[in-house]
């Protein structure tokens, strides 16, 4: 699982996939979050979560870009 770059509203972020299925997100040298995907059993869609204090909308946007890359 190789790291990859995503661009969110002109901001370059690095995504480091982890063996446990999570994704570490970096802005430059700084880790800003670890995202964990889970499946919403009612809808079958992916829900992105993090323990870090960043907005849920920002987490959702990063998660969508990860999904696009993984397709």
C-alpha atoms as a PDB file:
ATOM      1  CA  UNK A   1       0.000   0.000   0.000  1.00  0.00           C
ATOM      2  CA  UNK A   2       1.878   2.974  -1.319  1.00  0.00           C
ATOM      3  CA  UNK A   3       1.385   6.529  -0.070  1.00  0.00           C
ATOM      4  CA  UNK A   4      -0.415   8.885  -2.432  1.00  0.00           C
ATOM      5  CA  UNK A   5      -1.175  12.558  -2.777  1.00  0.00           C
ATOM      6  CA  UNK A   6      -4.602  14.184  -2.840  1.00  0.00           C
ATOM      7  CA  UNK A   7      -5.528  17.788  -3.521  1.00  0.00           C
ATOM      8  CA  UNK A   8      -8.322  19.322  -1.475  1.00  0.00           C
ATOM      9  CA  UNK A   9      -9.255  22.884  -2.444  1.00  0.00           C
ATOM     10  CA  UNK A  10      -5.676  23.709  -3.480  1.00  0.00           C
ATOM     11  CA  UNK A  11      -4.163  22.018  -0.421  1.00  0.00           C
ATOM     12  CA  UNK A  12      -1.846  19.054  -1.000  1.00  0.00           C
ATOM     13  CA  UNK A  13      -2.227  16.231   1.511  1.00  0.00           C
ATOM     14  CA  UNK A  14      -0.339  12.938   1.685  1.00  0.00           C
ATOM     15  CA  UNK A  15      -2.264   9.767   2.475  1.00  0.00           C
ATOM     16  CA  UNK A  16      -0.404   6.866   4.043  1.00  0.00           C
ATOM     17  CA  UNK A  17      -2.520   3.674   3.954  1.00  0.00           C
ATOM     18  CA  UNK A  18      -1.940   1.461   7.003  1.00  0.00           C
ATOM     19  CA  UNK A  19      -2.066  -2.331   7.266  1.00  0.00           C
ATOM     20  CA  UNK A  20      -5.032  -2.105   9.666  1.00  0.00           C
ATOM     21  CA  UNK A  21      -7.215  -0.351   7.053  1.00  0.00           C
ATOM     22  CA  UNK A  22      -6.810   3.167   8.441  1.00  0.00           C
ATOM     23  CA  UNK A  23      -5.257   6.111   6.613  1.00  0.00           C
ATOM     24  CA  UNK A  24      -2.796   8.571   8.124  1.00  0.00           C
ATOM     25  CA  UNK A  25      -3.142  12.056   6.645  1.00  0.00           C
ATOM     26  CA  UNK A  26      -0.198  14.463   6.452  1.00  0.00           C
ATOM     27  CA  UNK A  27       0.094  18.124   5.531  1.00  0.00           C
ATOM     28  CA  UNK A  28       3.790  18.385   4.735  1.00  0.00           C
ATOM     29  CA  UNK A  29       5.663  16.815   7.672  1.00  0.00           C
ATOM     30  CA  UNK A  30       2.721  17.212  10.070  1.00  0.00           C
ATOM     31  CA  UNK A  31       0.265  14.391  10.673  1.00  0.00           C
ATOM     32  CA  UNK A  32      -3.180  15.972  10.893  1.00  0.00           C
ATOM     33  CA  UNK A  33      -5.369  12.892  11.320  1.00  0.00           C
ATOM     34  CA  UNK A  34      -5.842   9.158  11.138  1.00  0.00           C
ATOM     35  CA  UNK A  35      -9.032   8.325   9.246  1.00  0.00           C
ATOM     36  CA  UNK A  36     -10.943   5.114   9.830  1.00  0.00           C
ATOM     37  CA  UNK A  37     -13.538   3.930   7.302  1.00  0.00           C
ATOM     38  CA  UNK A  38     -16.574   1.936   8.367  1.00  0.00           C
ATOM     39  CA  UNK A  39     -19.684   0.768   6.545  1.00  0.00           C
ATOM     40  CA  UNK A  40     -23.102   2.203   7.383  1.00  0.00           C
ATOM     41  CA  UNK A  41     -25.196  -0.962   7.576  1.00  0.00           C
ATOM     42  CA  UNK A  42     -28.407   0.894   6.704  1.00  0.00           C
ATOM     43  CA  UNK A  43     -27.119   2.465   3.486  1.00  0.00           C
ATOM     44  CA  UNK A  44     -23.998   0.471   2.638  1.00  0.00           C
ATOM     45  CA  UNK A  45     -22.025   3.706   2.255  1.00  0.00           C
ATOM     46  CA  UNK A  46     -18.624   4.417   3.792  1.00  0.00           C
ATOM     47  CA  UNK A  47     -18.493   6.579   6.917  1.00  0.00           C
ATOM     48  CA  UNK A  48     -15.167   8.281   7.669  1.00  0.00           C
ATOM     49  CA  UNK A  49     -14.210   8.906  11.295  1.00  0.00           C
ATOM     50  CA  UNK A  50     -11.257  10.311  13.221  1.00  0.00           C
ATOM     51  CA  UNK A  51     -10.391  10.953  16.864  1.00  0.00           C
ATOM     52  CA  UNK A  52      -8.612  14.202  15.996  1.00  0.00           C
ATOM     53  CA  UNK A  53     -10.236  17.572  16.509  1.00  0.00           C
ATOM     54  CA  UNK A  54     -10.929  18.451  12.886  1.00  0.00           C
ATOM     55  CA  UNK A  55     -14.286  19.153  11.297  1.00  0.00           C
ATOM     56  CA  UNK A  56     -16.412  16.221  10.195  1.00  0.00           C
ATOM     57  CA  UNK A  57     -16.933  17.941   6.829  1.00  0.00           C
ATOM     58  CA  UNK A  58     -13.146  18.086   6.289  1.00  0.00           C
ATOM     59  CA  UNK A  59     -12.881  14.386   7.229  1.00  0.00           C
ATOM     60  CA  UNK A  60     -15.698  13.537   4.803  1.00  0.00           C
ATOM     61  CA  UNK A  61     -14.020  15.448   1.963  1.00  0.00           C
ATOM     62  CA  UNK A  62     -10.677  13.731   2.542  1.00  0.00           C
ATOM     63  CA  UNK A  63     -12.463  10.362   2.727  1.00  0.00           C
ATOM     64  CA  UNK A  64     -14.207  10.966  -0.594  1.00  0.00           C
ATOM     65  CA  UNK A  65     -10.863  11.721  -2.257  1.00  0.00           C
ATOM     66  CA  UNK A  66      -9.399   8.524  -0.780  1.00  0.00           C
ATOM     67  CA  UNK A  67     -12.368   6.558  -2.167  1.00  0.00           C
ATOM     68  CA  UNK A  68     -11.847   8.105  -5.618  1.00  0.00           C
ATOM     69  CA  UNK A  69      -8.168   7.162  -5.552  1.00  0.00           C
ATOM     70  CA  UNK A  70      -8.905   3.599  -4.444  1.00  0.00           C
ATOM     71  CA  UNK A  71     -11.353   2.960  -7.322  1.00  0.00           C
END
